[in-house]
PDB file of N, CA and C in Angstrom:
ATOM      1  N   MET A   1      80.356  76.839 -90.470  1.00  0.00           N
ATOM      2  CA  MET A   1      80.489  77.510 -91.749  1.00  0.00           C
ATOM      3  C   MET A   1      79.669  78.799 -91.723  1.00  0.00           C
ATOM      4  N   ASP A   2      80.165  79.817 -92.342  1.00  0.00           N
ATOM      5  CA  ASP A   2      79.499  81.107 -92.398  1.00  0.00           C
ATOM      6  C   ASP A   2      78.238  81.008 -93.254  1.00  0.00           C
ATOM      7  N   LYS A   3      77.107  81.477 -92.714  1.00  0.00           N
ATOM      8  CA  LYS A   3      75.838  81.377 -93.433  1.00  0.00           C
ATOM      9  C   LYS A   3      75.821  82.219 -94.700  1.00  0.00           C
ATOM     10  N   THR A   4      76.536  83.325 -94.723  1.00  0.00           N
ATOM     11  CA  THR A   4      76.542  84.179 -95.915  1.00  0.00           C
ATOM     12  C   THR A   4      77.248  83.500 -97.084  1.00  0.00           C
ATOM     13  N   LYS A   5      78.178  82.608 -96.800  1.00  0.00           N
ATOM     14  CA  LYS A   5      78.866  81.878 -97.864  1.00  0.00           C
ATOM     15  C   LYS A   5      78.084  80.638 -98.286  1.00  0.00           C
ATOM     16  N   ALA A   6      77.315  80.063 -97.390  1.00  0.00           N
ATOM     17  CA  ALA A   6      76.568  78.846 -97.693  1.00  0.00           C
ATOM     18  C   ALA A   6      75.311  79.137 -98.504  1.00  0.00           C
ATOM     19  N   ALA A   7      74.712  80.292 -98.310  1.00  0.00           N
ATOM     20  CA  ALA A   7      73.459  80.617 -99.002  1.00  0.00           C
ATOM     21  C   ALA A   7      73.612  80.642-100.518  1.00  0.00           C
ATOM     22  N   PRO A   8      74.623  81.310-101.083  1.00  0.00           N
ATOM     23  CA  PRO A   8      74.752  81.275-102.547  1.00  0.00           C
ATOM     24  C   PRO A   8      75.018  79.870-103.091  1.00  0.00           C
ATOM     25  N   ARG A   9      75.737  79.064-102.355  1.00  0.00           N
ATOM     26  CA  ARG A   9      75.997  77.688-102.794  1.00  0.00           C
ATOM     27  C   ARG A   9      74.711  76.880-102.819  1.00  0.00           C
ATOM     28  N   ARG A  10      73.884  77.052-101.794  1.00  0.00           N
ATOM     29  CA  ARG A  10      72.603  76.348-101.764  1.00  0.00           C
ATOM     30  C   ARG A  10      71.710  76.813-102.898  1.00  0.00           C
ATOM     31  N   LEU A  11      71.728  78.121-103.161  1.00  0.00           N
ATOM     32  CA  LEU A  11      70.896  78.663-104.232  1.00  0.00           C
ATOM     33  C   LEU A  11      71.328  78.125-105.590  1.00  0.00           C
ATOM     34  N   LEU A  12      72.625  78.132-105.853  1.00  0.00           N
ATOM     35  CA  LEU A  12      73.124  77.658-107.142  1.00  0.00           C
ATOM     36  C   LEU A  12      72.960  76.151-107.316  1.00  0.00           C
ATOM     37  N   GLY A  13      72.795  75.432-106.246  1.00  0.00           N
ATOM     38  CA  GLY A  13      72.587  73.990-106.314  1.00  0.00           C
ATOM     39  C   GLY A  13      71.119  73.596-106.272  1.00  0.00           C
ATOM     40  N   SER A  14      70.241  74.577-106.238  1.00  0.00           N
ATOM     41  CA  SER A  14      68.816  74.312-106.103  1.00  0.00           C
ATOM     42  C   SER A  14      68.156  74.030-107.449  1.00  0.00           C
ATOM     43  N   ARG A  15      67.453  72.923-107.532  1.00  0.00           N
ATOM     44  CA  ARG A  15      66.715  72.597-108.757  1.00  0.00           C
ATOM     45  C   ARG A  15      65.579  73.581-108.976  1.00  0.00           C
ATOM     46  N   ARG A  16      64.976  74.053-107.892  1.00  0.00           N
ATOM     47  CA  ARG A  16      63.892  75.036-108.019  1.00  0.00           C
ATOM     48  C   ARG A  16      64.395  76.327-108.641  1.00  0.00           C
ATOM     49  N   PHE A  17      65.570  76.782-108.216  1.00  0.00           N
ATOM     50  CA  PHE A  17      66.166  78.003-108.744  1.00  0.00           C
ATOM     51  C   PHE A  17      66.438  77.867-110.233  1.00  0.00           C
ATOM     52  N   TRP A  18      67.087  76.780-110.633  1.00  0.00           N
ATOM     53  CA  TRP A  18      67.444  76.612-112.037  1.00  0.00           C
ATOM     54  C   TRP A  18      66.229  76.393-112.916  1.00  0.00           C
ATOM     55  N   SER A  19      65.216  75.731-112.413  1.00  0.00           N
ATOM     56  CA  SER A  19      63.981  75.578-113.182  1.00  0.00           C
ATOM     57  C   SER A  19      63.336  76.937-113.433  1.00  0.00           C
ATOM     58  N   SER A  20      63.340  77.781-112.430  1.00  0.00           N
ATOM     59  CA  SER A  20      62.773  79.122-112.576  1.00  0.00           C
ATOM     60  C   SER A  20      63.588  79.961-113.549  1.00  0.00           C
ATOM     61  N   ILE A  21      64.901  79.903-113.441  1.00  0.00           N
ATOM     62  CA  ILE A  21      65.764  80.679-114.336  1.00  0.00           C
ATOM     63  C   ILE A  21      65.578  80.229-115.780  1.00  0.00           C
ATOM     64  N   ILE A  22      65.562  78.930-116.021  1.00  0.00           N
ATOM     65  CA  ILE A  22      65.383  78.417-117.376  1.00  0.00           C
ATOM     66  C   ILE A  22      64.015  78.811-117.927  1.00  0.00           C
ATOM     67  N   SER A  23      62.997  78.802-117.094  1.00  0.00           N
ATOM     68  CA  SER A  23      61.668  79.204-117.542  1.00  0.00           C
ATOM     69  C   SER A  23      61.627  80.680-117.914  1.00  0.00           C
ATOM     70  N   VAL A  24      62.257  81.527-117.121  1.00  0.00           N
ATOM     71  CA  VAL A  24      62.295  82.965-117.425  1.00  0.00           C
ATOM     72  C   VAL A  24      63.062  83.205-118.723  1.00  0.00           C
ATOM     73  N   ILE A  25      64.180  82.532-118.897  1.00  0.00           N
ATOM     74  CA  ILE A  25      64.959  82.683-120.133  1.00  0.00           C
ATOM     75  C   ILE A  25      64.138  82.216-121.338  1.00  0.00           C
ATOM     76  N   THR A  26      63.433  81.102-121.180  1.00  0.00           N
ATOM     77  CA  THR A  26      62.595  80.598-122.265  1.00  0.00           C
ATOM     78  C   THR A  26      61.486  81.588-122.606  1.00  0.00           C
ATOM     79  N   LEU A  27      60.875  82.191-121.593  1.00  0.00           N
ATOM     80  CA  LEU A  27      59.843  83.203-121.835  1.00  0.00           C
ATOM     81  C   LEU A  27      60.417  84.416-122.563  1.00  0.00           C
ATOM     82  N   ILE A  28      61.591  84.856-122.159  1.00  0.00           N
ATOM     83  CA  ILE A  28      62.223  86.005-122.813  1.00  0.00           C
ATOM     84  C   ILE A  28      62.532  85.687-124.280  1.00  0.00           C
ATOM     85  N   ILE A  29      63.064  84.501-124.537  1.00  0.00           N
ATOM     86  CA  ILE A  29      63.367  84.111-125.918  1.00  0.00           C
ATOM     87  C   ILE A  29      62.085  84.029-126.742  1.00  0.00           C
ATOM     88  N   ALA A  30      61.048  83.420-126.173  1.00  0.00           N
ATOM     89  CA  ALA A  30      59.782  83.300-126.905  1.00  0.00           C
ATOM     90  C   ALA A  30      59.175  84.670-127.180  1.00  0.00           C
ATOM     91  N   ALA A  31      59.290  85.596-126.244  1.00  0.00           N
ATOM     92  CA  ALA A  31      58.723  86.930-126.430  1.00  0.00           C
ATOM     93  C   ALA A  31      59.532  87.758-127.419  1.00  0.00           C
ATOM     94  N   SER A  32      60.809  87.480-127.555  1.00  0.00           N
ATOM     95  CA  SER A  32      61.659  88.289-128.422  1.00  0.00           C
ATOM     96  C   SER A  32      61.685  87.790-129.869  1.00  0.00           C
ATOM     97  N   ARG A  33      61.183  86.596-130.112  1.00  0.00           N
ATOM     98  CA  ARG A  33      61.181  86.039-131.469  1.00  0.00           C
ATOM     99  C   ARG A  33      59.920  86.491-132.213  1.00  0.00           C
ATOM    100  N   PRO A  34      60.074  87.220-133.315  1.00  0.00           N
ATOM    101  CA  PRO A  34      58.898  87.718-134.041  1.00  0.00           C
ATOM    102  C   PRO A  34      58.000  86.595-134.577  1.00  0.00           C
ATOM    103  N   GLU A  35      58.595  85.480-134.981  1.00  0.00           N
ATOM    104  CA  GLU A  35      57.777  84.393-135.530  1.00  0.00           C
ATOM    105  C   GLU A  35      56.939  83.689-134.457  1.00  0.00           C
ATOM    106  N   LEU A  36      57.285  83.863-133.183  1.00  0.00           N
ATOM    107  CA  LEU A  36      56.516  83.261-132.091  1.00  0.00           C
ATOM    108  C   LEU A  36      55.530  84.232-131.469  1.00  0.00           C
ATOM    109  N   GLU A  37      55.536  85.462-131.935  1.00  0.00           N
ATOM    110  CA  GLU A  37      54.697  86.505-131.327  1.00  0.00           C
ATOM    111  C   GLU A  37      53.210  86.144-131.352  1.00  0.00           C
ATOM    112  N   GLU A  38      52.744  85.568-132.456  1.00  0.00           N
ATOM    113  CA  GLU A  38      51.325  85.228-132.549  1.00  0.00           C
ATOM    114  C   GLU A  38      50.941  84.053-131.648  1.00  0.00           C
ATOM    115  N   HIS A  39      51.922  83.270-131.216  1.00  0.00           N
ATOM    116  CA  HIS A  39      51.652  82.114-130.346  1.00  0.00           C
ATOM    117  C   HIS A  39      51.991  82.393-128.880  1.00  0.00           C
ATOM    118  N   LEU A  40      52.389  83.610-128.595  1.00  0.00           N
ATOM    119  CA  LEU A  40      52.824  83.939-127.230  1.00  0.00           C
ATOM    120  C   LEU A  40      51.690  83.813-126.215  1.00  0.00           C
ATOM    121  N   ASP A  41      50.454  84.042-126.650  1.00  0.00           N
ATOM    122  CA  ASP A  41      49.324  83.915-125.729  1.00  0.00           C
ATOM    123  C   ASP A  41      49.121  82.474-125.259  1.00  0.00           C
ATOM    124  N   VAL A  42      49.660  81.513-125.990  1.00  0.00           N
ATOM    125  CA  VAL A  42      49.599  80.107-125.586  1.00  0.00           C
ATOM    126  C   VAL A  42      50.916  79.682-124.930  1.00  0.00           C
ATOM    127  N   LEU A  43      52.023  80.161-125.467  1.00  0.00           N
ATOM    128  CA  LEU A  43      53.340  79.754-124.955  1.00  0.00           C
ATOM    129  C   LEU A  43      53.601  80.237-123.529  1.00  0.00           C
ATOM    130  N   ALA A  44      53.288  81.482-123.242  1.00  0.00           N
ATOM    131  CA  ALA A  44      53.595  82.037-121.914  1.00  0.00           C
ATOM    132  C   ALA A  44      52.905  81.271-120.791  1.00  0.00           C
ATOM    133  N   PRO A  45      51.584  81.042-120.873  1.00  0.00           N
ATOM    134  CA  PRO A  45      50.958  80.261-119.788  1.00  0.00           C
ATOM    135  C   PRO A  45      51.459  78.824-119.722  1.00  0.00           C
ATOM    136  N   THR A  46      51.785  78.254-120.873  1.00  0.00           N
ATOM    137  CA  THR A  46      52.273  76.871-120.886  1.00  0.00           C
ATOM    138  C   THR A  46      53.630  76.766-120.202  1.00  0.00           C
ATOM    139  N   ILE A  47      54.538  77.656-120.536  1.00  0.00           N
ATOM    140  CA  ILE A  47      55.874  77.654-119.917  1.00  0.00           C
ATOM    141  C   ILE A  47      55.760  77.917-118.423  1.00  0.00           C
ATOM    142  N   THR A  48      54.898  78.855-118.053  1.00  0.00           N
ATOM    143  CA  THR A  48      54.711  79.178-116.636  1.00  0.00           C
ATOM    144  C   THR A  48      54.121  77.985-115.882  1.00  0.00           C
ATOM    145  N   THR A  49      53.153  77.317-116.475  1.00  0.00           N
ATOM    146  CA  THR A  49      52.540  76.152-115.834  1.00  0.00           C
ATOM    147  C   THR A  49      53.550  75.027-115.641  1.00  0.00           C
ATOM    148  N   ILE A  50      54.377  74.797-116.639  1.00  0.00           N
ATOM    149  CA  ILE A  50      55.408  73.760-116.522  1.00  0.00           C
ATOM    150  C   ILE A  50      56.376  74.100-115.394  1.00  0.00           C
ATOM    151  N   CYS A  51      56.791  75.361-115.316  1.00  0.00           N
ATOM    152  CA  CYS A  51      57.718  75.783-114.256  1.00  0.00           C
ATOM    153  C   CYS A  51      57.095  75.615-112.875  1.00  0.00           C
ATOM    154  N   VAL A  52      55.859  76.075-112.720  1.00  0.00           N
ATOM    155  CA  VAL A  52      55.199  75.978-111.415  1.00  0.00           C
ATOM    156  C   VAL A  52      55.002  74.515-111.016  1.00  0.00           C
ATOM    157  N   THR A  53      54.663  73.671-111.979  1.00  0.00           N
ATOM    158  CA  THR A  53      54.493  72.245-111.696  1.00  0.00           C
ATOM    159  C   THR A  53      55.810  71.600-111.282  1.00  0.00           C
ATOM    160  N   LEU A  54      56.877  71.931-111.993  1.00  0.00           N
ATOM    161  CA  LEU A  54      58.200  71.400-111.634  1.00  0.00           C
ATOM    162  C   LEU A  54      58.613  71.823-110.231  1.00  0.00           C
ATOM    163  N   VAL A  55      58.505  73.119-109.953  1.00  0.00           N
ATOM    164  CA  VAL A  55      58.915  73.633-108.643  1.00  0.00           C
ATOM    165  C   VAL A  55      58.041  73.033-107.546  1.00  0.00           C
ATOM    166  N   GLY A  56      56.749  72.935-107.792  1.00  0.00           N
ATOM    167  CA  GLY A  56      55.860  72.318-106.808  1.00  0.00           C
ATOM    168  C   GLY A  56      56.211  70.863-106.555  1.00  0.00           C
ATOM    169  N   GLY A  57      56.544  70.142-107.618  1.00  0.00           N
ATOM    170  CA  GLY A  57      56.962  68.748-107.462  1.00  0.00           C
ATOM    171  C   GLY A  57      58.248  68.624-106.668  1.00  0.00           C
ATOM    172  N   TYR A  58      59.189  69.539-106.929  1.00  0.00           N
ATOM    173  CA  TYR A  58      60.439  69.527-106.161  1.00  0.00           C
ATOM    174  C   TYR A  58      60.179  69.811-104.687  1.00  0.00           C
ATOM    175  N   ILE A  59      59.260  70.707-104.404  1.00  0.00           N
ATOM    176  CA  ILE A  59      58.941  71.025-103.003  1.00  0.00           C
ATOM    177  C   ILE A  59      58.335  69.805-102.317  1.00  0.00           C
ATOM    178  N   ILE A  60      57.399  69.154-102.990  1.00  0.00           N
ATOM    179  CA  ILE A  60      56.781  67.951-102.408  1.00  0.00           C
ATOM    180  C   ILE A  60      57.825  66.861-102.216  1.00  0.00           C
ATOM    181  N   GLU A  61      58.691  66.695-103.201  1.00  0.00           N
ATOM    182  CA  GLU A  61      59.745  65.679-103.114  1.00  0.00           C
ATOM    183  C   GLU A  61      60.704  65.972-101.963  1.00  0.00           C
ATOM    184  N   ASP A  62      61.039  67.235-101.748  1.00  0.00           N
ATOM    185  CA  ASP A  62      61.962  67.602-100.675  1.00  0.00           C
ATOM    186  C   ASP A  62      61.316  67.469 -99.298  1.00  0.00           C
ATOM    187  N   ARG A  63      60.025  67.650 -99.208  1.00  0.00           N
ATOM    188  CA  ARG A  63      59.348  67.578 -97.911  1.00  0.00           C
ATOM    189  C   ARG A  63      58.997  66.149 -97.508  1.00  0.00           C
ATOM    190  N   GLU A  64      58.919  65.251 -98.458  1.00  0.00           N
ATOM    191  CA  GLU A  64      58.523  63.872 -98.155  1.00  0.00           C
ATOM    192  C   GLU A  64      59.459  63.187 -97.154  1.00  0.00           C
ATOM    193  N   PRO A  65      60.791  63.253 -97.315  1.00  0.00           N
ATOM    194  CA  PRO A  65      61.660  62.616 -96.312  1.00  0.00           C
ATOM    195  C   PRO A  65      61.486  63.230 -94.914  1.00  0.00           C
ATOM    196  N   ALA A  66      61.295  64.532 -94.872  1.00  0.00           N
ATOM    197  CA  ALA A  66      61.105  65.180 -93.571  1.00  0.00           C
ATOM    198  C   ALA A  66      59.785  64.746 -92.944  1.00  0.00           C
ATOM    199  N   LYS A  67      58.764  64.629 -93.775  1.00  0.00           N
ATOM    200  CA  LYS A  67      57.462  64.200 -93.276  1.00  0.00           C
ATOM    201  C   LYS A  67      57.536  62.765 -92.762  1.00  0.00           C
ATOM    202  N   ASN A  68      58.207  61.890 -93.517  1.00  0.00           N
ATOM    203  CA  ASN A  68      58.343  60.499 -93.088  1.00  0.00           C
ATOM    204  C   ASN A  68      59.133  60.395 -91.796  1.00  0.00           C
ATOM    205  N   ALA A  69      60.167  61.196 -91.642  1.00  0.00           N
ATOM    206  CA  ALA A  69      60.960  61.179 -90.418  1.00  0.00           C
ATOM    207  C   ALA A  69      60.117  61.632 -89.231  1.00  0.00           C
ATOM    208  N   GLY A  70      59.274  62.618 -89.458  1.00  0.00           N
ATOM    209  CA  GLY A  70      58.394  63.108 -88.395  1.00  0.00           C
ATOM    210  C   GLY A  70      57.336  62.096 -88.019  1.00  0.00           C
ATOM    211  N   LEU A  71      56.784  61.396 -89.008  1.00  0.00           N
ATOM    212  CA  LEU A  71      55.757  60.397 -88.731  1.00  0.00           C
ATOM    213  C   LEU A  71      56.328  59.209 -87.979  1.00  0.00           C
ATOM    214  N   ASN A  72      57.554  58.810 -88.294  1.00  0.00           N
ATOM    215  CA  ASN A  72      58.173  57.690 -87.585  1.00  0.00           C
ATOM    216  C   ASN A  72      58.325  58.016 -86.113  1.00  0.00           C
ATOM    217  N   GLY A  73      58.728  59.234 -85.808  1.00  0.00           N
ATOM    218  CA  GLY A  73      58.881  59.646 -84.415  1.00  0.00           C
ATOM    219  C   GLY A  73      57.546  59.669 -83.692  1.00  0.00           C
ATOM    220  N   LYS A  74      56.488  60.137 -84.361  1.00  0.00           N
ATOM    221  CA  LYS A  74      55.160  60.207 -83.754  1.00  0.00           C
ATOM    222  C   LYS A  74      54.592  58.818 -83.538  1.00  0.00           C
ATOM    223  N   ASP A  75      54.818  57.912 -84.494  1.00  0.00           N
ATOM    224  CA  ASP A  75      54.298  56.556 -84.343  1.00  0.00           C
ATOM    225  C   ASP A  75      54.922  55.858 -83.146  1.00  0.00           C
ATOM    226  N   ASP A  76      56.234  56.051 -82.955  1.00  0.00           N
ATOM    227  CA  ASP A  76      56.912  55.414 -81.826  1.00  0.00           C
ATOM    228  C   ASP A  76      56.339  55.929 -80.503  1.00  0.00           C
ATOM    229  N   ARG A  77      56.127  57.214 -80.412  1.00  0.00           N
ATOM    230  CA  ARG A  77      55.582  57.787 -79.181  1.00  0.00           C
ATOM    231  C   ARG A  77      54.137  57.345 -78.984  1.00  0.00           C
ATOM    232  N   HIS A  78      53.382  57.290 -80.060  1.00  0.00           N
ATOM    233  CA  HIS A  78      51.976  56.916 -79.968  1.00  0.00           C
ATOM    234  C   HIS A  78      51.822  55.467 -79.521  1.00  0.00           C
ATOM    235  N   GLU A  79      52.659  54.570 -80.037  1.00  0.00           N
ATOM    236  CA  GLU A  79      52.594  53.168 -79.643  1.00  0.00           C
ATOM    237  C   GLU A  79      52.994  52.983 -78.188  1.00  0.00           C
ATOM    238  N   SER A  80      53.964  53.745 -77.708  1.00  0.00           N
ATOM    239  CA  SER A  80      54.384  53.589 -76.322  1.00  0.00           C
ATOM    240  C   SER A  80      53.304  54.111 -75.363  1.00  0.00           C
ATOM    241  N   ASN A  81      52.519  55.119 -75.781  1.00  0.00           N
ATOM    242  CA  ASN A  81      51.447  55.616 -74.962  1.00  0.00           C
ATOM    243  C   ASN A  81      50.287  54.638 -74.901  1.00  0.00           C
ATOM    244  N   ALA A  82      50.082  53.884 -75.976  1.00  0.00           N
ATOM    245  CA  ALA A  82      48.969  52.943 -76.026  1.00  0.00           C
ATOM    246  C   ALA A  82      49.242  51.726 -75.130  1.00  0.00           C
ATOM    247  N   ALA A  83      50.490  51.415 -74.873  1.00  0.00           N
ATOM    248  CA  ALA A  83      50.806  50.207 -74.106  1.00  0.00           C
ATOM    249  C   ALA A  83      50.631  50.360 -72.646  1.00  0.00           C
TER     250      ALA A  83
END
């Protein structure tokens, strides 16, 4: 499959991408609403923190299967060397 066609599909299917987009849209809406203007100093860091936490959690979740697969391979080699 052509990599140039696969990249946009991966991006549009990414939870990290959509979490970031929704957070930016939420920040824009909060900044544009006059009644929320006085609370923006609290809302902006809160929305940003939630987004960063979500994306970080997704990264950890995505790396865990790869890490476990790598550890299984290392354990097998390590046990065979010990014998």
